[in-house]
């Protein structure tokens, strides 16, 4: 993976959410700008640290959280929606109450 400045992500790429629903990425973003972070839901290392860091940094911007999306996308094809749900709960537990 080599990011290239100015490259646009194909919004028709199909993603699956923590409920198992599949849809084009554009449907999940609902025309809002987004932060997209790739990693693993069952990551034993830095993925959780990166997620918490991104969530904390986004909160510090002062932007209305309803105006953007943060998407964490697993790059492990073996992970399932239940892995995403567990990772989401773990992240919520790690963040201070809003």
PDB file of N, CA and C in Angstrom:
ATOM      1  N   UNK A   1       0.846  -1.183   0.000  1.00  0.00           N
ATOM      2  CA  UNK A   1       0.000   0.000   0.000  1.00  0.00           C
ATOM      3  C   UNK A   1       0.883   1.234   0.000  1.00  0.00           C
ATOM      4  N   UNK A   2       0.812   1.995  -1.061  1.00  0.00           N
ATOM      5  CA  UNK A   2       1.594   3.222  -1.170  1.00  0.00           C
ATOM      6  C   UNK A   2       0.617   4.353  -1.490  1.00  0.00           C
ATOM      7  N   UNK A   3       0.281   5.171  -0.486  1.00  0.00           N
ATOM      8  CA  UNK A   3      -0.666   6.258  -0.748  1.00  0.00           C
ATOM      9  C   UNK A   3      -0.058   7.299  -1.674  1.00  0.00           C
ATOM     10  N   UNK A   4      -0.870   7.820  -2.552  1.00  0.00           N
ATOM     11  CA  UNK A   4      -0.441   8.841  -3.497  1.00  0.00           C
ATOM     12  C   UNK A   4      -1.306  10.077  -3.266  1.00  0.00           C
ATOM     13  N   UNK A   5      -0.670  11.203  -2.960  1.00  0.00           N
ATOM     14  CA  UNK A   5      -1.408  12.443  -2.702  1.00  0.00           C
ATOM     15  C   UNK A   5      -2.330  12.769  -3.869  1.00  0.00           C
ATOM     16  N   UNK A   6      -3.560  13.135  -3.545  1.00  0.00           N
ATOM     17  CA  UNK A   6      -4.528  13.528  -4.564  1.00  0.00           C
ATOM     18  C   UNK A   6      -5.317  12.390  -5.160  1.00  0.00           C
ATOM     19  N   UNK A   7      -4.964  11.154  -4.819  1.00  0.00           N
ATOM     20  CA  UNK A   7      -5.692  10.011  -5.355  1.00  0.00           C
ATOM     21  C   UNK A   7      -7.084   9.942  -4.730  1.00  0.00           C
ATOM     22  N   UNK A   8      -8.066   9.674  -5.546  1.00  0.00           N
ATOM     23  CA  UNK A   8      -9.446   9.557  -5.077  1.00  0.00           C
ATOM     24  C   UNK A   8      -9.797   8.084  -4.899  1.00  0.00           C
ATOM     25  N   UNK A   9     -10.460   7.772  -3.806  1.00  0.00           N
ATOM     26  CA  UNK A   9     -10.923   6.419  -3.562  1.00  0.00           C
ATOM     27  C   UNK A   9     -12.200   6.183  -4.359  1.00  0.00           C
ATOM     28  N   UNK A  10     -12.313   5.035  -4.970  1.00  0.00           N
ATOM     29  CA  UNK A  10     -13.501   4.681  -5.747  1.00  0.00           C
ATOM     30  C   UNK A  10     -14.676   4.480  -4.791  1.00  0.00           C
ATOM     31  N   UNK A  11     -15.632   5.379  -4.828  1.00  0.00           N
ATOM     32  CA  UNK A  11     -16.765   5.342  -3.900  1.00  0.00           C
ATOM     33  C   UNK A  11     -17.759   4.228  -4.209  1.00  0.00           C
ATOM     34  N   UNK A  12     -17.568   3.541  -5.334  1.00  0.00           N
ATOM     35  CA  UNK A  12     -18.460   2.423  -5.649  1.00  0.00           C
ATOM     36  C   UNK A  12     -17.939   1.106  -5.077  1.00  0.00           C
ATOM     37  N   UNK A  13     -16.751   1.127  -4.456  1.00  0.00           N
ATOM     38  CA  UNK A  13     -16.229  -0.087  -3.821  1.00  0.00           C
ATOM     39  C   UNK A  13     -17.196  -0.560  -2.741  1.00  0.00           C
ATOM     40  N   UNK A  14     -17.449  -1.834  -2.707  1.00  0.00           N
ATOM     41  CA  UNK A  14     -18.419  -2.378  -1.751  1.00  0.00           C
ATOM     42  C   UNK A  14     -17.724  -2.701  -0.430  1.00  0.00           C
ATOM     43  N   UNK A  15     -18.277  -2.160   0.641  1.00  0.00           N
ATOM     44  CA  UNK A  15     -17.809  -2.401   1.998  1.00  0.00           C
ATOM     45  C   UNK A  15     -18.924  -3.124   2.751  1.00  0.00           C
ATOM     46  N   UNK A  16     -18.559  -3.763   3.866  1.00  0.00           N
ATOM     47  CA  UNK A  16     -19.554  -4.436   4.708  1.00  0.00           C
ATOM     48  C   UNK A  16     -19.413  -3.871   6.114  1.00  0.00           C
ATOM     49  N   UNK A  17     -20.542  -3.521   6.737  1.00  0.00           N
ATOM     50  CA  UNK A  17     -20.475  -2.933   8.075  1.00  0.00           C
ATOM     51  C   UNK A  17     -20.584  -3.998   9.162  1.00  0.00           C
ATOM     52  N   UNK A  18     -20.609  -3.539  10.420  1.00  0.00           N
ATOM     53  CA  UNK A  18     -20.610  -4.462  11.555  1.00  0.00           C
ATOM     54  C   UNK A  18     -21.913  -5.251  11.694  1.00  0.00           C
ATOM     55  N   UNK A  19     -22.942  -4.872  10.925  1.00  0.00           N
ATOM     56  CA  UNK A  19     -24.192  -5.645  10.939  1.00  0.00           C
ATOM     57  C   UNK A  19     -24.210  -6.698   9.835  1.00  0.00           C
ATOM     58  N   UNK A  20     -23.222  -6.632   8.948  1.00  0.00           N
ATOM     59  CA  UNK A  20     -23.171  -7.549   7.812  1.00  0.00           C
ATOM     60  C   UNK A  20     -23.733  -6.947   6.540  1.00  0.00           C
ATOM     61  N   UNK A  21     -24.261  -5.725   6.620  1.00  0.00           N
ATOM     62  CA  UNK A  21     -24.828  -5.048   5.453  1.00  0.00           C
ATOM     63  C   UNK A  21     -23.710  -4.662   4.496  1.00  0.00           C
ATOM     64  N   UNK A  22     -23.879  -5.001   3.216  1.00  0.00           N
ATOM     65  CA  UNK A  22     -22.923  -4.623   2.172  1.00  0.00           C
ATOM     66  C   UNK A  22     -23.521  -3.504   1.329  1.00  0.00           C
ATOM     67  N   UNK A  23     -22.692  -2.520   1.013  1.00  0.00           N
ATOM     68  CA  UNK A  23     -23.139  -1.393   0.187  1.00  0.00           C
ATOM     69  C   UNK A  23     -21.905  -0.667  -0.325  1.00  0.00           C
ATOM     70  N   UNK A  24     -22.084   0.146  -1.374  1.00  0.00           N
ATOM     71  CA  UNK A  24     -20.959   0.966  -1.830  1.00  0.00           C
ATOM     72  C   UNK A  24     -20.529   1.913  -0.717  1.00  0.00           C
ATOM     73  N   UNK A  25     -19.238   2.213  -0.664  1.00  0.00           N
ATOM     74  CA  UNK A  25     -18.711   3.099   0.357  1.00  0.00           C
ATOM     75  C   UNK A  25     -19.495   4.403   0.417  1.00  0.00           C
ATOM     76  N   UNK A  26     -19.895   4.925  -0.723  1.00  0.00           N
ATOM     77  CA  UNK A  26     -20.650   6.187  -0.759  1.00  0.00           C
ATOM     78  C   UNK A  26     -21.913   6.113   0.097  1.00  0.00           C
ATOM     79  N   UNK A  27     -22.554   4.968   0.169  1.00  0.00           N
ATOM     80  CA  UNK A  27     -23.780   4.828   0.967  1.00  0.00           C
ATOM     81  C   UNK A  27     -23.487   4.959   2.456  1.00  0.00           C
ATOM     82  N   UNK A  28     -22.342   4.492   2.896  1.00  0.00           N
ATOM     83  CA  UNK A  28     -21.986   4.593   4.315  1.00  0.00           C
ATOM     84  C   UNK A  28     -21.582   6.016   4.691  1.00  0.00           C
ATOM     85  N   UNK A  29     -21.057   6.761   3.734  1.00  0.00           N
ATOM     86  CA  UNK A  29     -20.573   8.112   4.032  1.00  0.00           C
ATOM     87  C   UNK A  29     -21.673   9.163   3.974  1.00  0.00           C
ATOM     88  N   UNK A  30     -22.749   8.876   3.260  1.00  0.00           N
ATOM     89  CA  UNK A  30     -23.890   9.792   3.183  1.00  0.00           C
ATOM     90  C   UNK A  30     -23.455  11.203   2.784  1.00  0.00           C
ATOM     91  N   UNK A  31     -22.603  11.299   1.766  1.00  0.00           N
ATOM     92  CA  UNK A  31     -22.111  12.563   1.199  1.00  0.00           C
ATOM     93  C   UNK A  31     -21.301  13.406   2.178  1.00  0.00           C
ATOM     94  N   UNK A  32     -20.786  12.801   3.219  1.00  0.00           N
ATOM     95  CA  UNK A  32     -19.965  13.531   4.191  1.00  0.00           C
ATOM     96  C   UNK A  32     -18.490  13.220   3.942  1.00  0.00           C
ATOM     97  N   UNK A  33     -17.609  14.156   4.281  1.00  0.00           N
ATOM     98  CA  UNK A  33     -16.176  13.848   4.217  1.00  0.00           C
ATOM     99  C   UNK A  33     -15.858  12.780   5.255  1.00  0.00           C
ATOM    100  N   UNK A  34     -14.775  12.063   5.035  1.00  0.00           N
ATOM    101  CA  UNK A  34     -14.477  10.947   5.942  1.00  0.00           C
ATOM    102  C   UNK A  34     -12.986  10.766   6.155  1.00  0.00           C
ATOM    103  N   UNK A  35     -12.672  10.228   7.323  1.00  0.00           N
ATOM    104  CA  UNK A  35     -11.349   9.697   7.626  1.00  0.00           C
ATOM    105  C   UNK A  35     -11.467   8.200   7.422  1.00  0.00           C
ATOM    106  N   UNK A  36     -10.576   7.617   6.656  1.00  0.00           N
ATOM    107  CA  UNK A  36     -10.605   6.181   6.403  1.00  0.00           C
ATOM    108  C   UNK A  36      -9.310   5.581   6.923  1.00  0.00           C
ATOM    109  N   UNK A  37      -9.454   4.651   7.865  1.00  0.00           N
ATOM    110  CA  UNK A  37      -8.303   4.015   8.494  1.00  0.00           C
ATOM    111  C   UNK A  37      -8.369   2.518   8.224  1.00  0.00           C
ATOM    112  N   UNK A  38      -7.304   1.968   7.664  1.00  0.00           N
ATOM    113  CA  UNK A  38      -7.236   0.537   7.387  1.00  0.00           C
ATOM    114  C   UNK A  38      -6.477  -0.171   8.500  1.00  0.00           C
ATOM    115  N   UNK A  39      -6.891  -1.383   8.811  1.00  0.00           N
ATOM    116  CA  UNK A  39      -6.214  -2.175   9.831  1.00  0.00           C
ATOM    117  C   UNK A  39      -6.886  -3.520   9.992  1.00  0.00           C
ATOM    118  N   UNK A  40      -6.846  -4.043  11.203  1.00  0.00           N
ATOM    119  CA  UNK A  40      -7.444  -5.338  11.520  1.00  0.00           C
ATOM    120  C   UNK A  40      -8.329  -5.193  12.748  1.00  0.00           C
ATOM    121  N   UNK A  41      -9.500  -5.795  12.735  1.00  0.00           N
ATOM    122  CA  UNK A  41     -10.366  -5.772  13.913  1.00  0.00           C
ATOM    123  C   UNK A  41      -9.764  -6.582  15.058  1.00  0.00           C
ATOM    124  N   UNK A  42      -9.110  -7.675  14.730  1.00  0.00           N
ATOM    125  CA  UNK A  42      -8.497  -8.529  15.769  1.00  0.00           C
ATOM    126  C   UNK A  42      -7.014  -8.215  15.935  1.00  0.00           C
ATOM    127  N   UNK A  43      -6.644  -6.997  15.680  1.00  0.00           N
ATOM    128  CA  UNK A  43      -5.251  -6.552  15.739  1.00  0.00           C
ATOM    129  C   UNK A  43      -4.752  -6.562  17.185  1.00  0.00           C
ATOM    130  N   UNK A  44      -3.649  -7.245  17.447  1.00  0.00           N
ATOM    131  CA  UNK A  44      -3.121  -7.281  18.807  1.00  0.00           C
ATOM    132  C   UNK A  44      -2.184  -6.108  19.120  1.00  0.00           C
ATOM    133  N   UNK A  45      -1.944  -5.264  18.124  1.00  0.00           N
ATOM    134  CA  UNK A  45      -0.930  -4.218  18.303  1.00  0.00           C
ATOM    135  C   UNK A  45      -1.457  -2.812  18.158  1.00  0.00           C
ATOM    136  N   UNK A  46      -1.020  -2.145  17.108  1.00  0.00           N
ATOM    137  CA  UNK A  46      -1.209  -0.710  16.976  1.00  0.00           C
ATOM    138  C   UNK A  46      -2.542  -0.258  16.389  1.00  0.00           C
ATOM    139  N   UNK A  47      -3.358  -1.150  15.885  1.00  0.00           N
ATOM    140  CA  UNK A  47      -4.625  -0.726  15.269  1.00  0.00           C
ATOM    141  C   UNK A  47      -5.501   0.029  16.265  1.00  0.00           C
ATOM    142  N   UNK A  48      -5.644  -0.521  17.463  1.00  0.00           N
ATOM    143  CA  UNK A  48      -6.458   0.144  18.487  1.00  0.00           C
ATOM    144  C   UNK A  48      -5.875   1.488  18.884  1.00  0.00           C
ATOM    145  N   UNK A  49      -4.558   1.564  18.969  1.00  0.00           N
ATOM    146  CA  UNK A  49      -3.893   2.821  19.297  1.00  0.00           C
ATOM    147  C   UNK A  49      -4.184   3.858  18.210  1.00  0.00           C
ATOM    148  N   UNK A  50      -4.117   3.442  16.954  1.00  0.00           N
ATOM    149  CA  UNK A  50      -4.395   4.345  15.835  1.00  0.00           C
ATOM    150  C   UNK A  50      -5.855   4.798  15.856  1.00  0.00           C
ATOM    151  N   UNK A  51      -6.774   3.876  16.151  1.00  0.00           N
ATOM    152  CA  UNK A  51      -8.203   4.226  16.213  1.00  0.00           C
ATOM    153  C   UNK A  51      -8.471   5.249  17.306  1.00  0.00           C
ATOM    154  N   UNK A  52      -7.937   5.005  18.496  1.00  0.00           N
ATOM    155  CA  UNK A  52      -8.133   5.939  19.611  1.00  0.00           C
ATOM    156  C   UNK A  52      -7.511   7.288  19.276  1.00  0.00           C
ATOM    157  N   UNK A  53      -6.312   7.273  18.708  1.00  0.00           N
ATOM    158  CA  UNK A  53      -5.653   8.515  18.331  1.00  0.00           C
ATOM    159  C   UNK A  53      -6.454   9.319  17.327  1.00  0.00           C
ATOM    160  N   UNK A  54      -7.006   8.641  16.334  1.00  0.00           N
ATOM    161  CA  UNK A  54      -7.820   9.326  15.327  1.00  0.00           C
ATOM    162  C   UNK A  54      -9.090   9.890  15.950  1.00  0.00           C
ATOM    163  N   UNK A  55      -9.753   9.103  16.782  1.00  0.00           N
ATOM    164  CA  UNK A  55     -10.980   9.571  17.436  1.00  0.00           C
ATOM    165  C   UNK A  55     -10.703  10.778  18.334  1.00  0.00           C
ATOM    166  N   UNK A  56      -9.620  10.723  19.100  1.00  0.00           N
ATOM    167  CA  UNK A  56      -9.272  11.841  19.974  1.00  0.00           C
ATOM    168  C   UNK A  56      -8.894  13.081  19.168  1.00  0.00           C
ATOM    169  N   UNK A  57      -8.134  12.900  18.091  1.00  0.00           N
ATOM    170  CA  UNK A  57      -7.741  14.032  17.251  1.00  0.00           C
ATOM    171  C   UNK A  57      -8.968  14.665  16.586  1.00  0.00           C
ATOM    172  N   UNK A  58      -9.878  13.843  16.116  1.00  0.00           N
ATOM    173  CA  UNK A  58     -11.094  14.368  15.488  1.00  0.00           C
ATOM    174  C   UNK A  58     -11.915  15.163  16.506  1.00  0.00           C
ATOM    175  N   UNK A  59     -12.006  14.669  17.733  1.00  0.00           N
ATOM    176  CA  UNK A  59     -12.761  15.373  18.773  1.00  0.00           C
ATOM    177  C   UNK A  59     -12.144  16.731  19.079  1.00  0.00           C
ATOM    178  N   UNK A  60     -10.820  16.833  18.991  1.00  0.00           N
ATOM    179  CA  UNK A  60     -10.126  18.084  19.305  1.00  0.00           C
ATOM    180  C   UNK A  60     -10.283  19.143  18.212  1.00  0.00           C
ATOM    181  N   UNK A  61     -10.750  18.751  17.038  1.00  0.00           N
ATOM    182  CA  UNK A  61     -10.891  19.731  15.954  1.00  0.00           C
ATOM    183  C   UNK A  61     -12.003  20.723  16.219  1.00  0.00           C
ATOM    184  N   UNK A  62     -12.961  20.331  17.044  1.00  0.00           N
ATOM    185  CA  UNK A  62     -14.116  21.191  17.280  1.00  0.00           C
ATOM    186  C   UNK A  62     -15.177  21.060  16.202  1.00  0.00           C
ATOM    187  N   UNK A  63     -14.922  20.220  15.198  1.00  0.00           N
ATOM    188  CA  UNK A  63     -15.924  20.003  14.149  1.00  0.00           C
ATOM    189  C   UNK A  63     -17.106  19.228  14.707  1.00  0.00           C
ATOM    190  N   UNK A  64     -18.277  19.523  14.209  1.00  0.00           N
ATOM    191  CA  UNK A  64     -19.484  18.790  14.583  1.00  0.00           C
ATOM    192  C   UNK A  64     -19.335  17.357  14.082  1.00  0.00           C
ATOM    193  N   UNK A  65     -19.356  16.392  14.993  1.00  0.00           N
ATOM    194  CA  UNK A  65     -19.154  14.987  14.635  1.00  0.00           C
ATOM    195  C   UNK A  65     -20.200  14.471  13.646  1.00  0.00           C
ATOM    196  N   UNK A  66     -21.334  15.112  13.556  1.00  0.00           N
ATOM    197  CA  UNK A  66     -22.354  14.702  12.596  1.00  0.00           C
ATOM    198  C   UNK A  66     -22.057  15.126  11.176  1.00  0.00           C
ATOM    199  N   UNK A  67     -20.999  15.931  10.993  1.00  0.00           N
ATOM    200  CA  UNK A  67     -20.690  16.440   9.663  1.00  0.00           C
ATOM    201  C   UNK A  67     -19.627  15.643   8.939  1.00  0.00           C
ATOM    202  N   UNK A  68     -19.063  14.634   9.599  1.00  0.00           N
ATOM    203  CA  UNK A  68     -18.064  13.798   8.954  1.00  0.00           C
ATOM    204  C   UNK A  68     -18.205  12.366   9.462  1.00  0.00           C
ATOM    205  N   UNK A  69     -17.521  11.459   8.829  1.00  0.00           N
ATOM    206  CA  UNK A  69     -17.531  10.054   9.231  1.00  0.00           C
ATOM    207  C   UNK A  69     -16.102   9.599   9.495  1.00  0.00           C
ATOM    208  N   UNK A  70     -15.968   8.666  10.410  1.00  0.00           N
ATOM    209  CA  UNK A  70     -14.705   7.964  10.595  1.00  0.00           C
ATOM    210  C   UNK A  70     -14.990   6.507  10.277  1.00  0.00           C
ATOM    211  N   UNK A  71     -14.263   5.974   9.318  1.00  0.00           N
ATOM    212  CA  UNK A  71     -14.475   4.597   8.875  1.00  0.00           C
ATOM    213  C   UNK A  71     -13.204   3.802   9.142  1.00  0.00           C
ATOM    214  N   UNK A  72     -13.352   2.723   9.880  1.00  0.00           N
ATOM    215  CA  UNK A  72     -12.252   1.789  10.069  1.00  0.00           C
ATOM    216  C   UNK A  72     -12.555   0.587   9.194  1.00  0.00           C
ATOM    217  N   UNK A  73     -11.654   0.261   8.298  1.00  0.00           N
ATOM    218  CA  UNK A  73     -11.866  -0.843   7.365  1.00  0.00           C
ATOM    219  C   UNK A  73     -10.823  -1.927   7.607  1.00  0.00           C
ATOM    220  N   UNK A  74     -11.305  -3.122   7.913  1.00  0.00           N
ATOM    221  CA  UNK A  74     -10.400  -4.250   8.100  1.00  0.00           C
ATOM    222  C   UNK A  74      -9.887  -4.724   6.745  1.00  0.00           C
ATOM    223  N   UNK A  75      -8.611  -5.027   6.701  1.00  0.00           N
ATOM    224  CA  UNK A  75      -8.034  -5.553   5.468  1.00  0.00           C
ATOM    225  C   UNK A  75      -7.838  -7.064   5.560  1.00  0.00           C
ATOM    226  N   UNK A  76      -8.398  -7.678   6.598  1.00  0.00           N
ATOM    227  CA  UNK A  76      -8.332  -9.132   6.773  1.00  0.00           C
ATOM    228  C   UNK A  76      -9.614  -9.745   6.229  1.00  0.00           C
ATOM    229  N   UNK A  77      -9.563 -10.437   5.085  1.00  0.00           N
ATOM    230  CA  UNK A  77     -10.776 -11.001   4.501  1.00  0.00           C
ATOM    231  C   UNK A  77     -11.427 -12.075   5.374  1.00  0.00           C
ATOM    232  N   UNK A  78     -10.710 -12.576   6.370  1.00  0.00           N
ATOM    233  CA  UNK A  78     -11.275 -13.593   7.258  1.00  0.00           C
ATOM    234  C   UNK A  78     -12.082 -13.022   8.405  1.00  0.00           C
ATOM    235  N   UNK A  79     -11.980 -11.703   8.628  1.00  0.00           N
ATOM    236  CA  UNK A  79     -12.744 -11.114   9.728  1.00  0.00           C
ATOM    237  C   UNK A  79     -14.211 -10.988   9.342  1.00  0.00           C
ATOM    238  N   UNK A  80     -15.051 -11.101  10.348  1.00  0.00           N
ATOM    239  CA  UNK A  80     -16.498 -11.124  10.153  1.00  0.00           C
ATOM    240  C   UNK A  80     -17.149  -9.944  10.874  1.00  0.00           C
ATOM    241  N   UNK A  81     -18.444  -9.691  10.622  1.00  0.00           N
ATOM    242  CA  UNK A  81     -19.131  -8.589  11.296  1.00  0.00           C
ATOM    243  C   UNK A  81     -19.018  -8.638  12.822  1.00  0.00           C
ATOM    244  N   UNK A  82     -19.016  -9.826  13.402  1.00  0.00           N
ATOM    245  CA  UNK A  82     -18.899  -9.906  14.864  1.00  0.00           C
ATOM    246  C   UNK A  82     -17.538  -9.405  15.348  1.00  0.00           C
ATOM    247  N   UNK A  83     -16.504  -9.557  14.523  1.00  0.00           N
ATOM    248  CA  UNK A  83     -15.188  -9.011  14.866  1.00  0.00           C
ATOM    249  C   UNK A  83     -15.247  -7.476  14.873  1.00  0.00           C
ATOM    250  N   UNK A  84     -15.953  -6.915  13.896  1.00  0.00           N
ATOM    251  CA  UNK A  84     -16.098  -5.453  13.826  1.00  0.00           C
ATOM    252  C   UNK A  84     -16.901  -4.942  15.017  1.00  0.00           C
ATOM    253  N   UNK A  85     -17.958  -5.655  15.384  1.00  0.00           N
ATOM    254  CA  UNK A  85     -18.756  -5.229  16.550  1.00  0.00           C
ATOM    255  C   UNK A  85     -17.911  -5.251  17.820  1.00  0.00           C
ATOM    256  N   UNK A  86     -17.130  -6.302  17.999  1.00  0.00           N
ATOM    257  CA  UNK A  86     -16.284  -6.409  19.191  1.00  0.00           C
ATOM    258  C   UNK A  86     -15.240  -5.290  19.205  1.00  0.00           C
ATOM    259  N   UNK A  87     -14.640  -4.999  18.062  1.00  0.00           N
ATOM    260  CA  UNK A  87     -13.638  -3.933  17.985  1.00  0.00           C
ATOM    261  C   UNK A  87     -14.274  -2.574  18.268  1.00  0.00           C
ATOM    262  N   UNK A  88     -15.489  -2.379  17.784  1.00  0.00           N
ATOM    263  CA  UNK A  88     -16.190  -1.111  18.023  1.00  0.00           C
ATOM    264  C   UNK A  88     -16.495  -0.928  19.510  1.00  0.00           C
ATOM    265  N   UNK A  89     -16.943  -1.993  20.167  1.00  0.00           N
ATOM    266  CA  UNK A  89     -17.210  -1.927  21.613  1.00  0.00           C
ATOM    267  C   UNK A  89     -15.927  -1.616  22.381  1.00  0.00           C
ATOM    268  N   UNK A  90     -14.846  -2.275  21.998  1.00  0.00           N
ATOM    269  CA  UNK A  90     -13.557  -2.061  22.666  1.00  0.00           C
ATOM    270  C   UNK A  90     -13.103  -0.610  22.501  1.00  0.00           C
ATOM    271  N   UNK A  91     -13.280  -0.054  21.303  1.00  0.00           N
ATOM    272  CA  UNK A  91     -12.915   1.335  21.061  1.00  0.00           C
ATOM    273  C   UNK A  91     -13.789   2.262  21.898  1.00  0.00           C
ATOM    274  N   UNK A  92     -15.073   2.007  21.940  1.00  0.00           N
ATOM    275  CA  UNK A  92     -15.980   2.848  22.741  1.00  0.00           C
ATOM    276  C   UNK A  92     -15.597   2.833  24.206  1.00  0.00           C
ATOM    277  N   UNK A  93     -15.197   1.680  24.705  1.00  0.00           N
ATOM    278  CA  UNK A  93     -14.775   1.564  26.104  1.00  0.00           C
ATOM    279  C   UNK A  93     -13.475   2.317  26.371  1.00  0.00           C
ATOM    280  N   UNK A  94     -12.643   2.466  25.344  1.00  0.00           N
ATOM    281  CA  UNK A  94     -11.342   3.119  25.509  1.00  0.00           C
ATOM    282  C   UNK A  94     -11.417   4.640  25.431  1.00  0.00           C
ATOM    283  N   UNK A  95     -12.526   5.146  24.881  1.00  0.00           N
ATOM    284  CA  UNK A  95     -12.650   6.590  24.724  1.00  0.00           C
ATOM    285  C   UNK A  95     -13.358   7.209  25.914  1.00  0.00           C
ATOM    286  N   UNK A  96     -12.989   8.434  26.273  1.00  0.00           N
ATOM    287  CA  UNK A  96     -13.711   9.118  27.344  1.00  0.00           C
ATOM    288  C   UNK A  96     -15.139   9.418  26.914  1.00  0.00           C
ATOM    289  N   UNK A  97     -16.045   9.464  27.858  1.00  0.00           N
ATOM    290  CA  UNK A  97     -17.447   9.748  27.545  1.00  0.00           C
ATOM    291  C   UNK A  97     -17.555  11.139  26.920  1.00  0.00           C
ATOM    292  N   UNK A  98     -18.390  11.240  25.895  1.00  0.00           N
ATOM    293  CA  UNK A  98     -18.552  12.530  25.205  1.00  0.00           C
ATOM    294  C   UNK A  98     -19.538  13.404  25.939  1.00  0.00           C
TER     295      UNK A  98
END
